[in-house]
Amino acid sequence: MATSSFRTSVAVFALITVHVRALDTFIAAVYEHAVILPNDTDTPVSRDDALLLMNKNIDILEEAIKQAAEQGAQIIVTPEDALYGWDFTRETIFPYLEDIPDPQVTWNPCEDPHRFGHTPIQVRLSCLAKSNSIYVLANIGDKKPCNNSRGPTCPANGYYQYNTNVVYNNEGKLVARYHKYHLYSEPQFDVPEKPESVTFDTPFGRFGMFTCFDILFHDPAVTLVEDARVDTILFPTAWMNVLPLLSAIEFHSAWAMGMRVNLLVASIHHIRLNMTGSGIYAPHSPKAYHYDMETGLGKILLSEVDSSPRSSPACPPAVSWPAYASTIKPRPVQKKVFRGFISKDMFSFTELFENSGNLTVCQEDLCCHLDYRMLRKEENEVYVLGAFTGLHGRRRREYWQVCTVLKCQMTNVTTCGKPVETALTRFDMFSLSGTFGTEYVFPEVLLTKIRLSPGKFEVLEDGRLVNKHELSEPLLAASLFGRWYAKDSRSVSGGTITLATTYWLLSTLLMIKAL
């Protein structure tokens, strides 16, 4: 009897141990969706027509959700705008919207479909999660009634309209709702009053979420990681790839590494608008990614990831980004520094004339240092080292600091910074660093034909981006992409004002009032 009891105890303990260990990791899925778009129209369609289109898209998502569940996935992310597209006015989007309640109401739409009125899309998504026993993130439109008695900001139609993520758990319960804060050319939607920090807990970690353009800003993206201590970010997007610094797989994998969290990215697939690039990214390396500018097909990705990536031995250490670069003196540049543009940003460039070398290029207080050795320098290819610090682009809202080594589009240096997708030159060694003023730096390495290089590079604790092995494929660009959030600007009566200036003005006003 004693032996039997001991064996039973051992068996129970083994089962518990297996269960706990199973929760140390989970299977994630993301789906890149080739959305069925509505017909162009300046007038709103009927609610029935809107439901017809959305259900056609959900039919496709349903197959992806079933496939993910059958392969053991515990959570799946679907893209932004996946149910109806993106080209709308406030009026034409309205038939596609539903009133989405706060998850605190404790609602399972599949089990109680009429509790909040006519919500067929929410009901169907909830039932998909429940019937497949999987967490599902979907992006839909939320409408919230308002009136001017509560303030002058209520829109003329009496509704706030939000670009919204919802998450249903494996029982179909609504567990999270997020309203996108940083809109990008989305006149159909309103900006919420403030950024929302939305999290939810599962047996396999703590999750947060935001949408597309949100990733380039401190709130809610950085706040979720640093304050809410999430393990994994869910990220639906309709990302338009912009080379050489902001292709989806390039920047999103870098963000996961820089922030030391998992990032599950589901993108719209629409190659005419350069929309492709989904992935499952861990802090140390991409687990799976997809970039396809050749076909019009959707794609599902699955991978096992750590539930608590910061506790994993594979997680990269915290980095002091300027530590190495600030200890070395600027090296003499072989030839003169010249100016060139990446998008609307004026970079300082210097050319890599030799097969190997040590170069420095500076712009204001940012100095970028490069040690490199090429296996062979192709005569018809030009590479440059570039530096940029300042407010980015036409909007001049986000403050960037960037060190980059990249291939120019042609041998004429006026093409440096323009998009290029293929290269022939291989690097045997490179080490890139910079005197960054920000702690938020994202390391990017992009190879020919828009490919990543898992396991081929690392960031050292002193801030150097280095290759671990000889790159097996030619290099398009290696960059340290910094975001100095404290220097971001905000619009004030048609102009811009930095956060630091805002604090100074508030302090001055308080002093004047005190006098």
Protein backbone atom coordinates (compact mmCIF):
# COMPACT_ATOMS: atom_id res chain seq x y z
CA MET A 1 0.00 0.00 0.00
CA ALA A 2 2.81 2.42 0.86
CA THR A 3 4.55 1.70 -2.43
CA SER A 4 1.29 2.23 -4.34
CA SER A 5 0.67 5.57 -2.57
CA PHE A 6 4.22 6.68 -3.31
CA ARG A 7 3.85 5.86 -6.99
CA THR A 8 0.55 7.71 -7.11
CA SER A 9 2.13 10.77 -5.47
CA VAL A 10 5.02 10.69 -7.91
CA ALA A 11 2.62 10.46 -10.83
CA VAL A 12 0.53 13.38 -9.56
CA PHE A 13 3.68 15.44 -8.95
CA ALA A 14 4.90 14.62 -12.46
CA LEU A 15 1.59 15.75 -13.93
CA ILE A 16 1.70 19.00 -11.96
CA THR A 17 5.31 19.58 -13.02
CA VAL A 18 4.47 19.00 -16.67
CA HIS A 19 1.52 21.36 -16.38
CA VAL A 20 3.61 24.13 -14.79
CA ARG A 21 6.35 23.68 -17.35
CA ALA A 22 3.76 23.83 -20.14
CA LEU A 23 2.79 27.28 -18.87
CA ASP A 24 6.39 28.44 -19.17
CA THR A 25 5.83 28.59 -22.92
CA PHE A 26 2.86 28.91 -25.22
CA ILE A 27 2.05 28.53 -28.90
CA ALA A 28 1.30 31.85 -30.60
CA ALA A 29 -0.26 32.42 -33.99
CA VAL A 30 -0.59 35.49 -36.21
CA TYR A 31 -2.45 35.74 -39.51
CA GLU A 32 -1.56 38.07 -42.38
CA HIS A 33 -4.88 38.69 -44.11
CA ALA A 34 -5.56 39.68 -47.71
CA VAL A 35 -8.65 41.71 -46.87
CA ILE A 36 -11.71 41.77 -49.12
CA LEU A 37 -12.33 45.49 -49.62
CA PRO A 38 -15.68 47.25 -50.10
CA ASN A 39 -16.61 48.93 -53.36
CA ASP A 40 -15.64 52.58 -53.63
CA THR A 41 -18.55 54.76 -52.59
CA ASP A 42 -19.15 58.24 -51.25
CA THR A 43 -22.43 57.21 -49.60
CA PRO A 44 -22.84 54.79 -46.70
CA VAL A 45 -23.86 51.22 -47.52
CA SER A 46 -26.70 49.54 -45.65
CA ARG A 47 -26.01 47.72 -42.40
CA ASP A 48 -26.86 44.45 -44.15
CA ASP A 49 -24.29 45.11 -46.88
CA ALA A 50 -21.70 46.02 -44.26
CA LEU A 51 -22.38 42.78 -42.38
CA LEU A 52 -22.14 40.81 -45.62
CA LEU A 53 -18.64 42.14 -46.32
CA MET A 54 -17.43 41.71 -42.74
CA ASN A 55 -18.68 38.13 -42.63
CA LYS A 56 -16.86 37.34 -45.89
CA ASN A 57 -13.63 38.44 -44.22
CA ILE A 58 -14.47 36.59 -41.01
CA ASP A 59 -15.04 33.44 -43.10
CA ILE A 60 -11.36 33.63 -44.06
CA LEU A 61 -10.25 34.46 -40.52
CA GLU A 62 -12.30 31.52 -39.25
CA GLU A 63 -10.22 29.08 -41.29
CA ALA A 64 -7.01 30.61 -39.91
CA ILE A 65 -8.35 30.43 -36.34
CA LYS A 66 -9.33 26.79 -36.76
CA GLN A 67 -5.97 25.93 -38.31
CA ALA A 68 -4.12 27.66 -35.46
CA ALA A 69 -6.17 25.86 -32.81
CA GLU A 70 -5.68 22.48 -34.49
CA GLN A 71 -1.91 23.06 -34.33
CA GLY A 72 -2.04 23.82 -30.62
CA ALA A 73 -2.04 27.62 -30.62
CA GLN A 74 -3.40 29.23 -27.47
CA ILE A 75 -3.74 32.72 -28.92
CA ILE A 76 -4.06 34.23 -32.40
CA VAL A 77 -3.75 37.84 -33.58
CA THR A 78 -5.56 39.08 -36.71
CA PRO A 79 -4.74 42.39 -38.44
CA GLU A 80 -5.94 45.94 -38.16
CA ASP A 81 -8.73 46.76 -40.66
CA ALA A 82 -9.13 43.04 -41.39
CA LEU A 83 -12.93 43.12 -41.55
CA TYR A 84 -13.53 46.04 -43.92
CA GLY A 85 -10.37 47.86 -45.01
CA TRP A 86 -9.35 51.44 -44.39
CA ASP A 87 -10.63 53.91 -47.00
CA PHE A 88 -13.61 55.57 -45.30
CA THR A 89 -15.13 58.83 -44.14
CA ARG A 90 -16.90 59.18 -40.81
CA GLU A 91 -20.18 58.61 -42.63
CA THR A 92 -19.20 55.61 -44.74
CA ILE A 93 -17.61 53.67 -41.84
CA PHE A 94 -20.67 54.00 -39.62
CA PRO A 95 -22.62 50.92 -40.87
CA TYR A 96 -19.63 48.74 -39.95
CA LEU A 97 -19.48 49.85 -36.31
CA GLU A 98 -20.87 48.21 -33.17
CA ASP A 99 -21.07 49.46 -29.59
CA ILE A 100 -18.39 47.49 -27.73
CA PRO A 101 -18.86 47.43 -23.95
CA ASP A 102 -16.13 47.75 -21.34
CA PRO A 103 -14.84 44.24 -20.50
CA GLN A 104 -15.52 44.97 -16.82
CA VAL A 105 -19.19 44.17 -17.52
CA THR A 106 -18.22 40.47 -17.72
CA TRP A 107 -19.82 39.48 -21.01
CA ASN A 108 -19.65 36.39 -23.16
CA PRO A 109 -21.32 37.41 -26.43
CA CYS A 110 -21.56 33.81 -27.64
CA GLU A 111 -23.58 32.80 -24.58
CA ASP A 112 -25.57 36.04 -24.17
CA PRO A 113 -25.83 37.50 -27.70
CA HIS A 114 -28.60 40.06 -27.07
CA ARG A 115 -27.38 41.65 -23.84
CA PHE A 116 -25.97 44.75 -25.58
CA GLY A 117 -28.30 45.05 -28.53
CA HIS A 118 -27.51 44.00 -32.10
CA THR A 119 -23.86 42.90 -32.05
CA PRO A 120 -23.55 40.06 -34.59
CA ILE A 121 -19.85 40.63 -35.30
CA GLN A 122 -18.90 40.49 -31.64
CA VAL A 123 -21.05 37.40 -31.20
CA ARG A 124 -19.42 35.59 -34.11
CA LEU A 125 -15.89 36.43 -32.97
CA SER A 126 -16.71 35.30 -29.43
CA CYS A 127 -18.12 32.02 -30.70
CA LEU A 128 -15.02 31.43 -32.83
CA ALA A 129 -12.85 31.81 -29.74
CA LYS A 130 -15.10 29.55 -27.68
CA SER A 131 -15.62 26.79 -30.25
CA ASN A 132 -11.89 26.57 -30.96
CA SER A 133 -10.79 27.10 -27.32
CA ILE A 134 -8.33 29.84 -28.27
CA TYR A 135 -7.77 33.49 -27.39
CA VAL A 136 -8.64 35.69 -30.39
CA LEU A 137 -7.67 39.30 -31.05
CA ALA A 138 -9.70 41.09 -33.71
CA ASN A 139 -9.77 44.71 -34.85
CA ILE A 140 -13.21 46.24 -35.33
CA GLY A 141 -14.91 49.64 -35.10
CA ASP A 142 -16.50 50.89 -31.87
CA LYS A 143 -19.20 53.58 -31.64
CA LYS A 144 -20.02 55.42 -28.44
CA PRO A 145 -23.07 57.74 -28.20
CA CYS A 146 -22.44 61.26 -26.92
CA ASN A 147 -24.08 64.68 -26.84
CA ASN A 148 -22.84 68.24 -26.58
CA SER A 149 -24.26 68.62 -23.08
CA ARG A 150 -21.21 66.67 -21.93
CA GLY A 151 -18.82 68.89 -23.85
CA PRO A 152 -18.33 70.59 -27.20
CA THR A 153 -16.27 67.73 -28.69
CA CYS A 154 -19.18 65.40 -29.48
CA PRO A 155 -19.21 64.83 -33.28
CA ALA A 156 -22.17 66.00 -35.34
CA ASN A 157 -23.58 62.48 -35.75
CA GLY A 158 -23.73 62.02 -31.97
CA TYR A 159 -21.12 59.26 -31.79
CA TYR A 160 -17.47 58.90 -31.03
CA GLN A 161 -15.96 56.35 -33.42
CA TYR A 162 -12.85 54.38 -32.48
CA ASN A 163 -10.39 52.05 -34.17
CA THR A 164 -10.65 49.19 -31.66
CA ASN A 165 -9.01 45.90 -30.69
CA VAL A 166 -10.99 43.28 -28.81
CA VAL A 167 -9.78 40.06 -27.22
CA TYR A 168 -11.97 37.05 -26.42
CA ASN A 169 -10.60 34.30 -24.20
CA ASN A 170 -10.81 30.59 -24.92
CA GLU A 171 -14.32 30.49 -23.45
CA GLY A 172 -15.56 33.37 -25.61
CA LYS A 173 -15.53 36.00 -22.86
CA LEU A 174 -14.58 39.59 -23.75
CA VAL A 175 -11.42 40.19 -21.72
CA ALA A 176 -9.86 43.30 -23.30
CA ARG A 177 -10.76 46.33 -25.41
CA TYR A 178 -8.34 48.96 -26.71
CA HIS A 179 -9.02 52.19 -28.62
CA LYS A 180 -6.17 53.22 -30.93
CA TYR A 181 -4.63 56.52 -29.85
CA HIS A 182 -2.17 57.49 -32.59
CA LEU A 183 -4.24 57.59 -35.76
CA TYR A 184 -2.53 57.77 -39.15
CA SER A 185 -4.69 59.37 -41.87
CA GLU A 186 -7.88 57.91 -40.39
CA PRO A 187 -10.58 60.61 -40.66
CA GLN A 188 -13.27 58.01 -39.95
CA PHE A 189 -12.12 57.61 -36.35
CA ASP A 190 -11.78 59.79 -33.25
CA VAL A 191 -8.78 60.03 -30.94
CA PRO A 192 -9.56 58.83 -27.40
CA GLU A 193 -9.28 61.35 -24.59
CA LYS A 194 -6.02 59.77 -23.43
CA PRO A 195 -3.87 56.73 -24.27
CA GLU A 196 -5.25 53.53 -22.78
CA SER A 197 -2.98 51.02 -21.04
CA VAL A 198 -4.83 47.75 -21.62
CA THR A 199 -3.62 44.44 -20.20
CA PHE A 200 -5.07 41.02 -19.49
CA ASP A 201 -3.66 37.99 -17.71
CA THR A 202 -3.66 34.40 -18.94
CA PRO A 203 -2.22 31.13 -17.65
CA PHE A 204 0.66 31.76 -20.06
CA GLY A 205 1.62 35.33 -19.20
CA ARG A 206 0.49 38.93 -19.07
CA PHE A 207 -0.49 40.54 -22.36
CA GLY A 208 -0.90 44.10 -23.59
CA MET A 209 -1.93 45.52 -26.94
CA PHE A 210 -1.83 48.57 -29.17
CA THR A 211 -2.26 49.23 -32.87
CA CYS A 212 0.00 50.11 -35.82
CA PHE A 213 1.25 53.73 -35.50
CA ASP A 214 1.07 53.49 -31.69
CA ILE A 215 4.34 51.56 -31.69
CA LEU A 216 6.35 54.68 -32.56
CA PHE A 217 5.33 56.54 -29.38
CA HIS A 218 5.97 56.26 -25.66
CA ASP A 219 2.30 55.95 -24.69
CA PRO A 220 0.86 53.42 -24.67
CA ALA A 221 3.68 51.24 -26.07
CA VAL A 222 6.55 51.83 -23.64
CA THR A 223 4.20 52.33 -20.70
CA LEU A 224 2.78 48.83 -21.14
CA VAL A 225 6.24 47.29 -20.96
CA GLU A 226 7.78 49.40 -18.21
CA ASP A 227 4.81 50.15 -15.94
CA ALA A 228 2.31 47.35 -16.63
CA ARG A 229 5.14 44.78 -16.93
CA VAL A 230 3.55 42.83 -19.76
CA ASP A 231 5.34 39.79 -21.19
CA THR A 232 3.85 39.86 -24.69
CA ILE A 233 2.44 42.62 -26.88
CA LEU A 234 -0.34 41.88 -29.38
CA PHE A 235 0.04 44.14 -32.39
CA PRO A 236 -2.50 44.26 -35.23
CA THR A 237 -1.38 46.57 -38.02
CA ALA A 238 -1.94 47.77 -41.57
CA TRP A 239 1.76 48.66 -41.94
CA MET A 240 3.04 50.35 -45.09
CA ASN A 241 6.68 49.33 -45.57
CA VAL A 242 9.13 52.22 -45.89
CA LEU A 243 12.74 51.32 -46.64
CA PRO A 244 15.47 51.55 -45.50
CA LEU A 245 14.50 51.99 -41.82
CA LEU A 246 10.83 51.17 -41.40
CA SER A 247 9.98 47.95 -43.18
CA ALA A 248 7.64 45.97 -40.95
CA ILE A 249 9.77 42.92 -40.19
CA GLU A 250 12.87 45.07 -39.74
CA PHE A 251 11.45 47.54 -37.21
CA HIS A 252 9.07 45.22 -35.37
CA SER A 253 11.76 42.61 -34.69
CA ALA A 254 14.04 45.45 -33.51
CA TRP A 255 11.34 46.82 -31.18
CA ALA A 256 10.91 43.41 -29.54
CA MET A 257 14.66 43.19 -28.97
CA GLY A 258 14.97 46.77 -27.72
CA MET A 259 12.04 46.47 -25.31
CA ARG A 260 12.88 42.85 -24.32
CA VAL A 261 9.35 41.49 -24.77
CA ASN A 262 7.52 39.22 -27.20
CA LEU A 263 5.77 41.01 -30.05
CA LEU A 264 3.05 39.22 -32.04
CA VAL A 265 2.46 41.13 -35.29
CA ALA A 266 -0.43 40.51 -37.68
CA SER A 267 -0.44 42.72 -40.77
CA ILE A 268 -2.83 43.36 -43.61
CA HIS A 269 -1.61 41.92 -46.91
CA HIS A 270 -2.09 44.42 -49.75
CA ILE A 271 0.98 44.66 -51.95
CA ARG A 272 -0.24 47.62 -54.01
CA LEU A 273 0.15 49.72 -50.86
CA ASN A 274 3.33 47.93 -49.70
CA MET A 275 1.41 46.23 -46.89
CA THR A 276 3.03 42.97 -45.79
CA GLY A 277 5.20 41.84 -42.93
CA SER A 278 3.90 39.76 -40.02
CA GLY A 279 5.89 37.99 -37.37
CA ILE A 280 6.33 36.36 -33.98
CA TYR A 281 9.29 38.11 -32.38
CA ALA A 282 11.11 37.22 -29.18
CA PRO A 283 13.64 39.56 -27.52
CA HIS A 284 16.63 37.51 -28.63
CA SER A 285 15.52 36.62 -32.17
CA PRO A 286 12.59 36.39 -34.59
CA LYS A 287 10.69 33.12 -34.11
CA ALA A 288 8.80 33.34 -37.41
CA TYR A 289 8.18 36.07 -39.96
CA HIS A 290 6.57 36.61 -43.33
CA TYR A 291 7.26 39.20 -46.04
CA ASP A 292 5.66 38.69 -49.45
CA MET A 293 5.47 41.33 -52.17
CA GLU A 294 4.88 38.72 -54.90
CA THR A 295 1.48 37.18 -54.21
CA GLY A 296 -1.91 38.29 -52.96
CA LEU A 297 -2.24 35.45 -50.47
CA GLY A 298 -2.71 35.43 -46.72
CA LYS A 299 -0.37 33.55 -44.40
CA ILE A 300 -0.56 31.99 -40.95
CA LEU A 301 2.51 31.81 -38.69
CA LEU A 302 2.89 29.75 -35.51
CA SER A 303 5.69 29.42 -33.00
CA GLU A 304 6.38 28.46 -29.41
CA VAL A 305 7.52 31.41 -27.28
CA ASP A 306 8.48 31.98 -23.66
CA SER A 307 5.67 33.13 -21.41
CA SER A 308 8.08 35.30 -19.38
CA PRO A 309 10.77 36.32 -21.87
CA ARG A 310 12.67 38.62 -19.50
CA SER A 311 13.24 35.62 -17.20
CA SER A 312 14.54 33.45 -20.02
CA PRO A 313 18.31 32.74 -20.25
CA ALA A 314 18.04 33.64 -23.94
CA CYS A 315 16.83 37.19 -23.20
CA PRO A 316 19.48 39.76 -24.11
CA PRO A 317 20.92 41.84 -21.23
CA ALA A 318 19.97 45.44 -20.58
CA VAL A 319 22.07 47.81 -22.69
CA SER A 320 23.81 51.10 -21.94
CA TRP A 321 23.58 52.44 -25.49
CA PRO A 322 26.22 55.21 -25.42
CA ALA A 323 28.68 53.35 -23.18
CA TYR A 324 31.14 52.24 -25.88
CA ALA A 325 30.70 55.12 -28.31
CA SER A 326 31.25 57.79 -25.66
CA THR A 327 34.67 56.36 -24.76
CA ILE A 328 36.25 56.72 -28.19
CA LYS A 329 37.30 59.85 -30.00
CA PRO A 330 35.78 60.57 -33.39
CA ARG A 331 37.91 59.01 -36.10
CA PRO A 332 39.00 60.99 -39.13
CA VAL A 333 36.66 60.57 -42.07
CA GLN A 334 38.32 59.50 -45.32
CA LYS A 335 36.41 61.92 -47.48
CA LYS A 336 34.10 64.81 -46.82
CA VAL A 337 30.78 64.32 -45.10
CA PHE A 338 27.81 64.95 -47.37
CA ARG A 339 24.12 65.45 -46.73
CA GLY A 340 21.38 63.18 -48.02
CA PHE A 341 17.79 62.33 -47.22
CA ILE A 342 16.03 59.29 -45.84
CA SER A 343 12.39 60.16 -46.40
CA LYS A 344 12.21 63.79 -45.24
CA ASP A 345 15.13 63.60 -42.80
CA MET A 346 18.51 65.13 -43.67
CA PHE A 347 21.27 62.68 -42.70
CA SER A 348 25.00 63.25 -42.52
CA PHE A 349 26.71 60.53 -44.61
CA THR A 350 30.23 59.36 -45.27
CA GLU A 351 31.11 56.68 -47.82
CA LEU A 352 32.74 53.31 -47.10
CA PHE A 353 35.48 53.55 -49.73
CA GLU A 354 37.64 50.63 -48.61
CA ASN A 355 37.04 46.93 -48.02
CA SER A 356 37.58 47.54 -44.30
CA GLY A 357 37.91 50.49 -42.00
CA ASN A 358 36.97 52.51 -38.92
CA LEU A 359 34.69 55.49 -39.58
CA THR A 360 32.87 58.17 -37.65
CA VAL A 361 30.14 60.54 -38.78
CA CYS A 362 28.48 63.09 -36.51
CA GLN A 363 25.38 65.24 -36.58
CA GLU A 364 25.06 67.70 -33.73
CA ASP A 365 25.63 65.71 -30.51
CA LEU A 366 25.17 62.27 -32.11
CA CYS A 367 28.34 60.55 -33.34
CA CYS A 368 28.06 57.17 -35.05
CA HIS A 369 31.06 54.83 -35.12
CA LEU A 370 31.55 51.90 -37.48
CA ASP A 371 34.22 49.21 -37.62
CA TYR A 372 33.74 46.94 -40.63
CA ARG A 373 35.27 44.43 -42.98
CA MET A 374 33.72 43.32 -46.26
CA LEU A 375 34.43 39.94 -47.80
CA ARG A 376 34.61 41.71 -51.13
CA LYS A 377 33.50 45.19 -52.11
CA GLU A 378 31.38 45.11 -55.24
CA GLU A 379 32.45 47.84 -57.66
CA ASN A 380 28.88 48.72 -58.61
CA GLU A 381 27.68 49.11 -55.01
CA VAL A 382 28.13 52.02 -52.62
CA TYR A 383 27.65 51.87 -48.85
CA VAL A 384 27.53 54.80 -46.46
CA LEU A 385 27.56 55.42 -42.73
CA GLY A 386 24.85 57.88 -41.71
CA ALA A 387 23.75 59.87 -38.66
CA PHE A 388 20.56 61.76 -37.94
CA THR A 389 19.24 63.48 -34.84
CA GLY A 390 16.12 65.65 -34.83
CA LEU A 391 12.37 65.80 -35.32
CA HIS A 392 11.32 63.36 -38.02
CA GLY A 393 9.61 63.91 -41.33
CA ARG A 394 6.92 66.24 -42.55
CA ARG A 395 4.93 66.08 -39.31
CA ARG A 396 8.02 66.83 -37.20
CA ARG A 397 6.45 65.15 -34.17
CA GLU A 398 8.78 62.29 -33.27
CA TYR A 399 12.38 62.90 -32.24
CA TRP A 400 14.71 60.35 -33.82
CA GLN A 401 18.36 59.48 -33.32
CA VAL A 402 19.67 57.07 -35.95
CA CYS A 403 23.03 55.50 -36.80
CA THR A 404 22.92 53.43 -39.98
CA VAL A 405 25.15 51.72 -42.49
CA LEU A 406 23.26 51.12 -45.71
CA LYS A 407 23.54 50.39 -49.39
CA CYS A 408 22.79 53.28 -51.75
CA GLN A 409 20.27 52.76 -54.53
CA MET A 410 22.92 53.40 -57.21
CA THR A 411 26.60 54.39 -57.30
CA ASN A 412 25.59 58.06 -57.38
CA VAL A 413 25.66 59.14 -53.73
CA THR A 414 22.60 61.33 -54.24
CA THR A 415 20.62 58.05 -54.16
CA CYS A 416 21.83 57.14 -50.66
CA GLY A 417 18.82 56.71 -48.39
CA LYS A 418 16.41 55.83 -51.20
CA PRO A 419 14.66 52.44 -51.05
CA VAL A 420 16.68 49.47 -52.29
CA GLU A 421 15.78 45.78 -51.99
CA THR A 422 18.77 43.81 -53.26
CA ALA A 423 22.52 43.80 -52.64
CA LEU A 424 25.61 41.71 -53.45
CA THR A 425 28.17 42.88 -50.87
CA ARG A 426 28.76 40.62 -47.87
CA PHE A 427 30.21 41.83 -44.59
CA ASP A 428 32.59 39.61 -42.66
CA MET A 429 32.44 41.92 -39.65
CA PHE A 430 30.70 45.07 -38.49
CA SER A 431 30.38 46.94 -35.21
CA LEU A 432 28.02 49.93 -35.06
CA SER A 433 27.57 52.24 -32.07
CA GLY A 434 26.49 55.78 -31.27
CA THR A 435 26.50 58.46 -28.57
CA PHE A 436 22.76 58.23 -28.04
CA GLY A 437 20.98 60.57 -25.68
CA THR A 438 18.06 58.16 -25.29
CA GLU A 439 17.78 54.74 -23.68
CA TYR A 440 15.24 53.62 -26.27
CA VAL A 441 17.22 52.23 -29.20
CA PHE A 442 16.09 49.47 -31.55
CA PRO A 443 18.72 47.38 -33.41
CA GLU A 444 17.88 46.57 -37.04
CA VAL A 445 19.65 44.28 -39.53
CA LEU A 446 18.10 43.79 -42.96
CA LEU A 447 19.54 41.51 -45.63
CA THR A 448 19.05 41.41 -49.39
CA LYS A 449 15.52 40.71 -50.66
CA ILE A 450 14.09 42.04 -47.38
CA ARG A 451 15.14 39.23 -45.06
CA LEU A 452 16.06 39.11 -41.41
CA SER A 453 19.14 37.42 -39.98
CA PRO A 454 18.07 35.41 -36.90
CA GLY A 455 20.99 34.48 -34.68
CA LYS A 456 23.56 36.28 -36.84
CA PHE A 457 23.94 39.48 -34.78
CA GLU A 458 23.71 40.69 -31.20
CA VAL A 459 23.83 43.85 -29.12
CA LEU A 460 26.55 44.00 -26.51
CA GLU A 461 25.92 45.54 -23.09
CA ASP A 462 28.02 48.58 -24.05
CA GLY A 463 25.70 49.44 -26.96
CA ARG A 464 27.56 47.93 -29.92
CA LEU A 465 25.53 46.20 -32.65
CA VAL A 466 27.83 43.43 -33.92
CA ASN A 467 27.59 40.39 -36.14
CA LYS A 468 28.16 37.05 -34.38
CA HIS A 469 29.00 35.19 -37.56
CA GLU A 470 29.86 36.06 -41.12
CA LEU A 471 26.63 37.23 -42.75
CA SER A 472 25.47 34.50 -45.11
CA GLU A 473 23.65 36.99 -47.33
CA PRO A 474 24.45 40.52 -48.55
CA LEU A 475 23.59 43.45 -46.29
CA LEU A 476 20.99 46.09 -47.13
CA ALA A 477 21.17 48.02 -43.87
CA ALA A 478 22.26 47.74 -40.24
CA SER A 479 20.87 50.46 -38.01
CA LEU A 480 20.48 51.63 -34.45
CA PHE A 481 17.10 53.35 -34.48
CA GLY A 482 16.67 55.61 -31.44
CA ARG A 483 13.51 57.30 -30.17
CA TRP A 484 14.00 60.24 -27.80
CA TYR A 485 10.41 60.48 -26.55
CA ALA A 486 11.08 63.36 -24.16
CA LYS A 487 11.95 65.56 -27.13
CA ASP A 488 8.81 64.77 -29.12
CA SER A 489 6.72 67.77 -30.16
CA ARG A 490 3.05 68.52 -29.84
CA SER A 491 0.91 70.73 -32.06
CA VAL A 492 -0.01 74.10 -30.61
CA SER A 493 -2.12 76.41 -32.81
CA GLY A 494 -0.54 75.16 -36.00
CA GLY A 495 3.01 75.11 -34.62
CA THR A 496 4.95 72.64 -32.56
CA ILE A 497 6.15 72.70 -29.02
CA THR A 498 8.41 70.16 -27.31
CA LEU A 499 7.51 68.48 -24.04
CA ALA A 500 10.44 70.19 -22.34
CA THR A 501 9.15 73.56 -23.53
CA THR A 502 5.69 72.64 -22.26
CA TYR A 503 7.05 71.95 -18.78
CA TRP A 504 8.99 75.24 -18.87
CA LEU A 505 5.88 77.20 -19.86
CA LEU A 506 3.80 75.58 -17.11
CA SER A 507 6.48 76.36 -14.53
CA THR A 508 6.68 79.96 -15.74
CA LEU A 509 2.90 80.39 -15.57
CA LEU A 510 2.83 79.02 -12.02
CA MET A 511 5.61 81.41 -10.98
CA ILE A 512 3.77 84.36 -12.53
CA LYS A 513 0.57 83.33 -10.76
CA ALA A 514 2.43 83.07 -7.46
CA LEU A 515 3.76 86.60 -7.90
